[in-house]
């Protein structure tokens, strides 16, 4: 996949993540779109759509995890969190 400045970037796929994706695809059923995650309309999930769902679940999680209150949770933060775990 191309990143900023047209650099090639690799994304590791852990065994558990690969198993989870296979399970999700089996549950999701037949879809004409090649993307893994689809909107309710069956179209590719957008960055805005993902951000909306992420914010909704973060807000719902705050009563059980008060440390989330006031923290930034975004797709960008998740990407950097994953990068820190890998290296």
C-alpha atoms as a PDB file:
ATOM      1  CA  UNK A   1       0.000   0.000   0.000  1.00  0.00           C
ATOM      2  CA  UNK A   2       1.244   3.496  -0.740  1.00  0.00           C
ATOM      3  CA  UNK A   3       1.706   5.947   2.070  1.00  0.00           C
ATOM      4  CA  UNK A   4       2.601   9.593   2.326  1.00  0.00           C
ATOM      5  CA  UNK A   5       5.167  10.563  -0.292  1.00  0.00           C
ATOM      6  CA  UNK A   6       4.338   7.444  -2.322  1.00  0.00           C
ATOM      7  CA  UNK A   7       6.396   5.299   0.026  1.00  0.00           C
ATOM      8  CA  UNK A   8       5.581   1.607   0.195  1.00  0.00           C
ATOM      9  CA  UNK A   9       4.328   0.494   3.589  1.00  0.00           C
ATOM     10  CA  UNK A  10       3.791  -3.017   4.843  1.00  0.00           C
ATOM     11  CA  UNK A  11       1.023  -3.981   7.203  1.00  0.00           C
ATOM     12  CA  UNK A  12       1.650  -7.128   9.240  1.00  0.00           C
ATOM     13  CA  UNK A  13      -1.259  -9.519   9.539  1.00  0.00           C
ATOM     14  CA  UNK A  14      -1.032 -11.453  12.792  1.00  0.00           C
ATOM     15  CA  UNK A  15      -2.389 -15.010  12.845  1.00  0.00           C
ATOM     16  CA  UNK A  16      -5.243 -14.054  15.163  1.00  0.00           C
ATOM     17  CA  UNK A  17      -6.138 -11.060  12.985  1.00  0.00           C
ATOM     18  CA  UNK A  18      -6.177 -13.285   9.876  1.00  0.00           C
ATOM     19  CA  UNK A  19      -8.443 -15.767  11.662  1.00  0.00           C
ATOM     20  CA  UNK A  20     -10.738 -12.932  12.768  1.00  0.00           C
ATOM     21  CA  UNK A  21     -10.969 -11.583   9.207  1.00  0.00           C
ATOM     22  CA  UNK A  22     -11.860 -15.041   7.868  1.00  0.00           C
ATOM     23  CA  UNK A  23     -14.540 -15.393  10.551  1.00  0.00           C
ATOM     24  CA  UNK A  24     -15.920 -11.928   9.763  1.00  0.00           C
ATOM     25  CA  UNK A  25     -16.082 -12.678   6.036  1.00  0.00           C
ATOM     26  CA  UNK A  26     -17.991 -15.897   6.760  1.00  0.00           C
ATOM     27  CA  UNK A  27     -20.467 -14.043   8.997  1.00  0.00           C
ATOM     28  CA  UNK A  28     -20.819 -11.130   6.586  1.00  0.00           C
ATOM     29  CA  UNK A  29     -21.870 -13.408   3.756  1.00  0.00           C
ATOM     30  CA  UNK A  30     -21.709 -12.786   0.033  1.00  0.00           C
ATOM     31  CA  UNK A  31     -21.118  -9.187  -0.957  1.00  0.00           C
ATOM     32  CA  UNK A  32     -20.162  -7.768  -4.325  1.00  0.00           C
ATOM     33  CA  UNK A  33     -17.728  -5.224  -2.801  1.00  0.00           C
ATOM     34  CA  UNK A  34     -14.132  -6.415  -2.266  1.00  0.00           C
ATOM     35  CA  UNK A  35     -13.659  -4.315   0.889  1.00  0.00           C
ATOM     36  CA  UNK A  36     -13.728  -6.109   4.241  1.00  0.00           C
ATOM     37  CA  UNK A  37     -15.841  -3.547   6.075  1.00  0.00           C
ATOM     38  CA  UNK A  38     -18.962  -2.173   4.440  1.00  0.00           C
ATOM     39  CA  UNK A  39     -21.438   0.527   5.345  1.00  0.00           C
ATOM     40  CA  UNK A  40     -25.101  -0.261   5.964  1.00  0.00           C
ATOM     41  CA  UNK A  41     -25.592   0.483   2.263  1.00  0.00           C
ATOM     42  CA  UNK A  42     -23.146  -2.279   1.296  1.00  0.00           C
ATOM     43  CA  UNK A  43     -20.545   0.209   0.071  1.00  0.00           C
ATOM     44  CA  UNK A  44     -16.938   0.657   1.153  1.00  0.00           C
ATOM     45  CA  UNK A  45     -16.640   2.032   4.680  1.00  0.00           C
ATOM     46  CA  UNK A  46     -15.286   5.594   4.506  1.00  0.00           C
ATOM     47  CA  UNK A  47     -12.838   7.276   6.868  1.00  0.00           C
ATOM     48  CA  UNK A  48     -15.641   9.521   8.073  1.00  0.00           C
ATOM     49  CA  UNK A  49     -17.899   6.512   8.674  1.00  0.00           C
ATOM     50  CA  UNK A  50     -15.186   4.684  10.590  1.00  0.00           C
ATOM     51  CA  UNK A  51     -14.468   7.779  12.693  1.00  0.00           C
ATOM     52  CA  UNK A  52     -18.175   8.120  13.499  1.00  0.00           C
ATOM     53  CA  UNK A  53     -18.462   4.490  14.655  1.00  0.00           C
ATOM     54  CA  UNK A  54     -15.196   4.718  16.632  1.00  0.00           C
ATOM     55  CA  UNK A  55     -16.382   7.843  18.466  1.00  0.00           C
ATOM     56  CA  UNK A  56     -19.741   6.220  19.210  1.00  0.00           C
ATOM     57  CA  UNK A  57     -18.099   3.177  20.806  1.00  0.00           C
ATOM     58  CA  UNK A  58     -15.519   5.229  22.697  1.00  0.00           C
ATOM     59  CA  UNK A  59     -18.338   7.322  24.195  1.00  0.00           C
ATOM     60  CA  UNK A  60     -20.261   4.161  25.122  1.00  0.00           C
ATOM     61  CA  UNK A  61     -17.115   2.703  26.761  1.00  0.00           C
ATOM     62  CA  UNK A  62     -16.360   5.649  29.045  1.00  0.00           C
ATOM     63  CA  UNK A  63     -18.647   4.470  31.899  1.00  0.00           C
ATOM     64  CA  UNK A  64     -16.689   1.177  32.037  1.00  0.00           C
ATOM     65  CA  UNK A  65     -13.309   2.741  31.294  1.00  0.00           C
ATOM     66  CA  UNK A  66     -13.247   6.296  32.725  1.00  0.00           C
ATOM     67  CA  UNK A  67      -9.625   6.792  31.631  1.00  0.00           C
ATOM     68  CA  UNK A  68     -10.912   7.236  28.072  1.00  0.00           C
ATOM     69  CA  UNK A  69     -12.642  10.471  29.048  1.00  0.00           C
ATOM     70  CA  UNK A  70     -10.892  13.430  27.459  1.00  0.00           C
ATOM     71  CA  UNK A  71      -8.546  11.268  25.388  1.00  0.00           C
ATOM     72  CA  UNK A  72      -8.293  11.471  21.623  1.00  0.00           C
ATOM     73  CA  UNK A  73      -9.456   8.340  19.843  1.00  0.00           C
ATOM     74  CA  UNK A  74      -9.175   8.524  16.076  1.00  0.00           C
ATOM     75  CA  UNK A  75      -8.154   6.242  13.211  1.00  0.00           C
ATOM     76  CA  UNK A  76      -4.803   8.068  13.186  1.00  0.00           C
ATOM     77  CA  UNK A  77      -4.222   7.345  16.882  1.00  0.00           C
ATOM     78  CA  UNK A  78      -5.121   3.679  16.325  1.00  0.00           C
ATOM     79  CA  UNK A  79      -2.627   3.483  13.459  1.00  0.00           C
ATOM     80  CA  UNK A  80       0.163   4.867  15.628  1.00  0.00           C
ATOM     81  CA  UNK A  81      -0.801   2.612  18.539  1.00  0.00           C
ATOM     82  CA  UNK A  82      -0.505  -0.391  16.234  1.00  0.00           C
ATOM     83  CA  UNK A  83       2.867   0.846  14.956  1.00  0.00           C
ATOM     84  CA  UNK A  84       4.158   1.157  18.527  1.00  0.00           C
ATOM     85  CA  UNK A  85       3.035  -2.377  19.394  1.00  0.00           C
ATOM     86  CA  UNK A  86       4.796  -3.861  16.361  1.00  0.00           C
ATOM     87  CA  UNK A  87       8.140  -2.199  16.883  1.00  0.00           C
END
